Amino acid sequence: MGEPASPRSARGEQTKAAIVSAALDLFKERGYEKTTMRAVADAAGVSLGNAYYYVATKEHLIQAFYDRMSEAHTEAAAGVLAREKTFARRLAGVYETFLDAAEPYHEFAGKFFKNAAEPTSPLSPFSPESAPAREASIGIFREAVRGSDVKAPAAVLAELPELLWLLHMGVVLFWVHDTSEGQQRSRMLVRHAVPLVDRLVRLTRVPGVRGVADDVIGLVRSLKG
């Protein structure tokens, strides 16, 4: 099968993409636990050694999954953000397009997030290794805020994208455990949560509420260091 191409070369990127695609297909077909790296290599048409060259462990396929989901979410959300102008509709669209993009992977998502839940794991959404996918996701919420009609104090708007991403992590966790048909309970959560978020953000302009908002933002910034 020859020497593997550099992971950063065009051929290397194509090979890694083929490995990831084969892995995701096998995860859907067999489940995460029953999928071996040898099976992934065979399905991708590469040697086992080459598979390990591009993806260090089976667990690191989860990181590749995060990156792929982030790309799919960014692409799907772009249409909503180009079309909608109100903050509530933009925010709902961002959450809903994630649920649409993630739906095919719900059956084995729990296995992925079992690994990601470990605080010291490089697969945690808060880890340095997950920074590219995390920053891309926060960037979607930043664009949702920037192009909307929402009005709030500058300090609130500055921290809002990351706070919305943290809420997104809560939605993802709820979705992972959602056994309703088509994960309709997750969609209901989004429909009811977004108007509340919209009202809370707009209330930060009210003098009595603004002081509380400033305290919350101060706490957030102190925790971030």
Protein backbone atom coordinates (compact mmCIF):
# COMPACT_ATOMS: atom_id res chain seq x y z
CA MET A 1 0.00 0.00 0.00
CA GLY A 2 3.10 2.22 -0.01
CA GLU A 3 4.29 4.88 2.38
CA PRO A 4 1.57 7.02 3.94
CA ALA A 5 1.32 10.60 2.77
CA SER A 6 1.86 13.44 5.22
CA PRO A 7 -1.38 14.09 7.17
CA ARG A 8 -1.20 17.72 6.04
CA SER A 9 -0.87 16.96 2.34
CA ALA A 10 -3.91 16.81 0.08
CA ARG A 11 -3.57 13.03 -0.26
CA GLY A 12 -3.08 12.70 3.48
CA GLU A 13 -6.24 14.71 4.17
CA GLN A 14 -8.17 12.51 1.73
CA THR A 15 -6.91 9.35 3.38
CA LYS A 16 -7.77 10.57 6.87
CA ALA A 17 -11.24 11.62 5.65
CA ALA A 18 -11.74 8.13 4.19
CA ILE A 19 -10.73 6.56 7.51
CA VAL A 20 -13.11 8.80 9.47
CA SER A 21 -15.98 8.15 7.04
CA ALA A 22 -15.41 4.40 7.26
CA ALA A 23 -15.32 4.58 11.06
CA LEU A 24 -18.58 6.53 11.29
CA ASP A 25 -20.30 4.09 8.94
CA LEU A 26 -19.12 1.17 11.07
CA PHE A 27 -20.13 2.91 14.29
CA LYS A 28 -23.65 3.26 12.90
CA GLU A 29 -23.68 -0.33 11.65
CA ARG A 30 -21.97 -2.18 14.53
CA GLY A 31 -21.80 0.28 17.39
CA TYR A 32 -18.70 1.92 18.86
CA GLU A 33 -17.53 -0.94 21.08
CA LYS A 34 -17.71 -3.59 18.34
CA THR A 35 -15.83 -1.50 15.79
CA THR A 36 -12.13 -2.27 15.68
CA MET A 37 -9.35 -0.24 14.11
CA ARG A 38 -8.60 -3.20 11.84
CA ALA A 39 -12.20 -3.13 10.57
CA VAL A 40 -11.92 0.62 10.03
CA ALA A 41 -8.67 0.17 8.08
CA ASP A 42 -10.19 -2.57 5.92
CA ALA A 43 -13.28 -0.48 5.16
CA ALA A 44 -11.12 2.53 4.28
CA GLY A 45 -8.81 0.45 2.07
CA VAL A 46 -5.62 1.17 4.00
CA SER A 47 -3.27 -0.95 6.07
CA LEU A 48 -3.71 -1.09 9.84
CA GLY A 49 -0.38 0.67 10.24
CA ASN A 50 -1.48 3.51 7.95
CA ALA A 51 -4.76 3.82 9.86
CA TYR A 52 -2.81 4.31 13.09
CA TYR A 53 -0.54 6.78 11.31
CA TYR A 54 -3.46 9.08 10.60
CA VAL A 55 -5.55 8.35 13.71
CA ALA A 56 -3.56 7.43 16.82
CA THR A 57 -6.34 5.46 18.55
CA LYS A 58 -9.97 4.53 18.01
CA GLU A 59 -10.86 7.07 20.68
CA HIS A 60 -9.28 9.82 18.59
CA LEU A 61 -11.82 9.09 15.89
CA ILE A 62 -14.22 10.80 18.29
CA GLN A 63 -12.18 14.00 17.92
CA ALA A 64 -12.42 13.68 14.16
CA PHE A 65 -16.16 13.22 14.61
CA TYR A 66 -16.31 16.47 16.59
CA ASP A 67 -14.48 18.28 13.81
CA ARG A 68 -16.78 16.84 11.15
CA MET A 69 -19.89 17.73 13.18
CA SER A 70 -18.56 21.25 13.67
CA GLU A 71 -18.10 21.67 9.92
CA ALA A 72 -21.57 20.27 9.17
CA HIS A 73 -23.14 22.51 11.82
CA THR A 74 -21.36 25.61 10.52
CA GLU A 75 -22.55 24.92 6.97
CA ALA A 76 -26.14 24.20 8.03
CA ALA A 77 -26.38 27.21 10.33
CA ALA A 78 -25.06 29.57 7.65
CA GLY A 79 -28.34 29.40 5.75
CA VAL A 80 -30.35 30.32 8.84
CA LEU A 81 -28.03 33.17 9.75
CA ALA A 82 -28.19 34.56 6.22
CA ARG A 83 -31.98 34.46 6.26
CA GLU A 84 -33.05 35.40 9.79
CA LYS A 85 -32.47 38.73 11.53
CA THR A 86 -34.18 38.41 14.92
CA PHE A 87 -32.04 37.09 17.74
CA ALA A 88 -34.56 34.44 18.81
CA ARG A 89 -34.93 32.97 15.32
CA ARG A 90 -31.19 32.99 14.70
CA LEU A 91 -30.51 31.30 18.01
CA ALA A 92 -33.23 28.70 17.52
CA GLY A 93 -31.88 28.02 14.05
CA VAL A 94 -28.37 27.42 15.38
CA TYR A 95 -29.59 24.89 17.95
CA GLU A 96 -32.01 23.20 15.55
CA THR A 97 -29.47 22.81 12.75
CA PHE A 98 -27.16 21.07 15.21
CA LEU A 99 -29.92 18.60 16.09
CA ASP A 100 -30.52 18.00 12.38
CA ALA A 101 -26.81 17.41 11.67
CA ALA A 102 -26.32 15.16 14.71
CA GLU A 103 -29.46 13.05 14.29
CA PRO A 104 -27.83 10.24 12.22
CA TYR A 105 -25.29 9.68 15.01
CA HIS A 106 -27.64 9.59 18.00
CA GLU A 107 -27.52 5.81 18.42
CA PHE A 108 -23.84 5.77 19.34
CA ALA A 109 -23.43 9.35 20.60
CA GLY A 110 -23.64 8.16 24.19
CA LYS A 111 -20.47 6.12 23.72
CA PHE A 112 -18.70 9.18 22.39
CA PHE A 113 -19.77 11.40 25.26
CA LYS A 114 -18.93 8.72 27.82
CA ASN A 115 -15.30 9.29 26.87
CA ALA A 116 -15.73 13.05 26.55
CA ALA A 117 -17.21 13.34 30.05
CA GLU A 118 -13.87 12.47 31.66
CA PRO A 119 -12.39 15.87 32.71
CA THR A 120 -8.80 14.88 31.93
CA SER A 121 -9.63 13.33 28.57
CA PRO A 122 -8.28 15.07 25.45
CA LEU A 123 -11.72 14.33 23.99
CA SER A 124 -13.48 16.58 26.51
CA PRO A 125 -15.13 19.55 24.74
CA PHE A 126 -13.19 21.75 27.18
CA SER A 127 -9.75 20.25 26.46
CA PRO A 128 -6.94 21.98 24.53
CA GLU A 129 -7.21 19.25 21.88
CA SER A 130 -10.86 20.14 21.31
CA ALA A 131 -10.11 23.85 20.96
CA PRO A 132 -10.59 24.04 17.15
CA ALA A 133 -14.05 22.46 17.26
CA ARG A 134 -14.96 24.45 20.38
CA GLU A 135 -13.88 27.78 18.89
CA ALA A 136 -15.69 27.02 15.64
CA SER A 137 -18.88 26.32 17.58
CA ILE A 138 -18.54 29.47 19.68
CA GLY A 139 -17.96 31.33 16.40
CA ILE A 140 -21.40 30.24 15.18
CA PHE A 141 -23.00 31.78 18.25
CA ARG A 142 -20.85 34.89 17.88
CA GLU A 143 -22.21 35.34 14.36
CA ALA A 144 -25.75 34.66 15.58
CA VAL A 145 -25.42 37.51 18.08
CA ARG A 146 -23.50 39.92 15.82
CA GLY A 147 -26.00 39.83 12.96
CA SER A 148 -29.14 39.99 15.08
CA ASP A 149 -31.43 42.71 16.39
CA VAL A 150 -30.58 42.04 20.04
CA LYS A 151 -29.71 45.02 22.24
CA ALA A 152 -27.73 44.55 25.44
CA PRO A 153 -24.80 46.12 27.33
CA ALA A 154 -21.46 45.71 25.59
CA ALA A 155 -20.09 43.48 28.38
CA VAL A 156 -23.05 41.13 28.01
CA LEU A 157 -22.71 40.94 24.23
CA ALA A 158 -18.99 40.22 24.57
CA GLU A 159 -19.55 37.17 26.79
CA LEU A 160 -22.86 36.05 25.31
CA PRO A 161 -21.50 33.75 22.54
CA GLU A 162 -19.56 31.62 25.02
CA LEU A 163 -22.51 31.51 27.42
CA LEU A 164 -24.75 30.36 24.56
CA TRP A 165 -22.18 27.68 23.73
CA LEU A 166 -22.33 26.46 27.34
CA LEU A 167 -26.11 26.25 27.00
CA HIS A 168 -25.48 24.36 23.77
CA MET A 169 -23.43 21.83 25.74
CA GLY A 170 -26.45 21.38 28.02
CA VAL A 171 -28.68 20.81 24.99
CA VAL A 172 -26.19 18.25 23.64
CA LEU A 173 -26.16 16.37 26.95
CA PHE A 174 -29.98 16.36 27.03
CA TRP A 175 -30.02 15.14 23.42
CA VAL A 176 -27.61 12.29 24.18
CA HIS A 177 -30.03 10.98 26.82
CA ASP A 178 -33.19 11.75 24.83
CA THR A 179 -34.96 8.50 23.95
CA SER A 180 -38.06 10.13 22.45
CA GLU A 181 -38.81 9.40 18.81
CA GLY A 182 -36.67 11.60 16.61
CA GLN A 183 -35.43 13.27 19.83
CA GLN A 184 -38.52 15.47 19.82
CA ARG A 185 -38.03 16.33 23.49
CA SER A 186 -34.72 17.97 22.59
CA ARG A 187 -36.45 20.05 19.95
CA MET A 188 -39.14 20.99 22.44
CA LEU A 189 -36.40 22.06 24.86
CA VAL A 190 -34.98 24.39 22.21
CA ARG A 191 -38.39 25.83 21.34
CA HIS A 192 -39.09 26.70 24.98
CA ALA A 193 -35.59 27.72 26.05
CA VAL A 194 -34.82 30.16 23.25
CA PRO A 195 -37.63 32.66 24.04
CA LEU A 196 -36.50 32.65 27.69
CA VAL A 197 -32.91 33.37 26.70
CA ASP A 198 -34.09 36.12 24.35
CA ARG A 199 -36.07 37.82 27.12
CA LEU A 200 -33.29 37.47 29.68
CA VAL A 201 -30.72 39.03 27.35
CA ARG A 202 -32.99 41.95 26.53
CA LEU A 203 -33.76 42.48 30.23
CA THR A 204 -30.09 43.23 30.89
CA ARG A 205 -30.75 46.75 29.60
CA VAL A 206 -33.19 47.40 32.46
CA PRO A 207 -31.38 49.35 35.23
CA GLY A 208 -32.39 47.03 38.08
CA VAL A 209 -31.39 43.95 36.13
CA ARG A 210 -28.25 45.42 34.64
CA GLY A 211 -26.51 45.41 38.00
CA VAL A 212 -27.17 41.68 38.40
CA ALA A 213 -26.00 41.09 34.83
CA ASP A 214 -22.77 42.96 35.57
CA ASP A 215 -22.21 40.75 38.61
CA VAL A 216 -22.77 37.61 36.54
CA ILE A 217 -20.39 38.79 33.82
CA GLY A 218 -17.81 39.64 36.49
CA LEU A 219 -18.11 36.14 37.92
CA VAL A 220 -17.77 34.57 34.48
CA ARG A 221 -14.65 36.57 33.72
CA SER A 222 -13.07 35.77 37.08
CA LEU A 223 -13.68 32.04 36.57
CA LYS A 224 -12.11 32.27 33.11
CA GLY A 225 -9.06 33.94 34.70
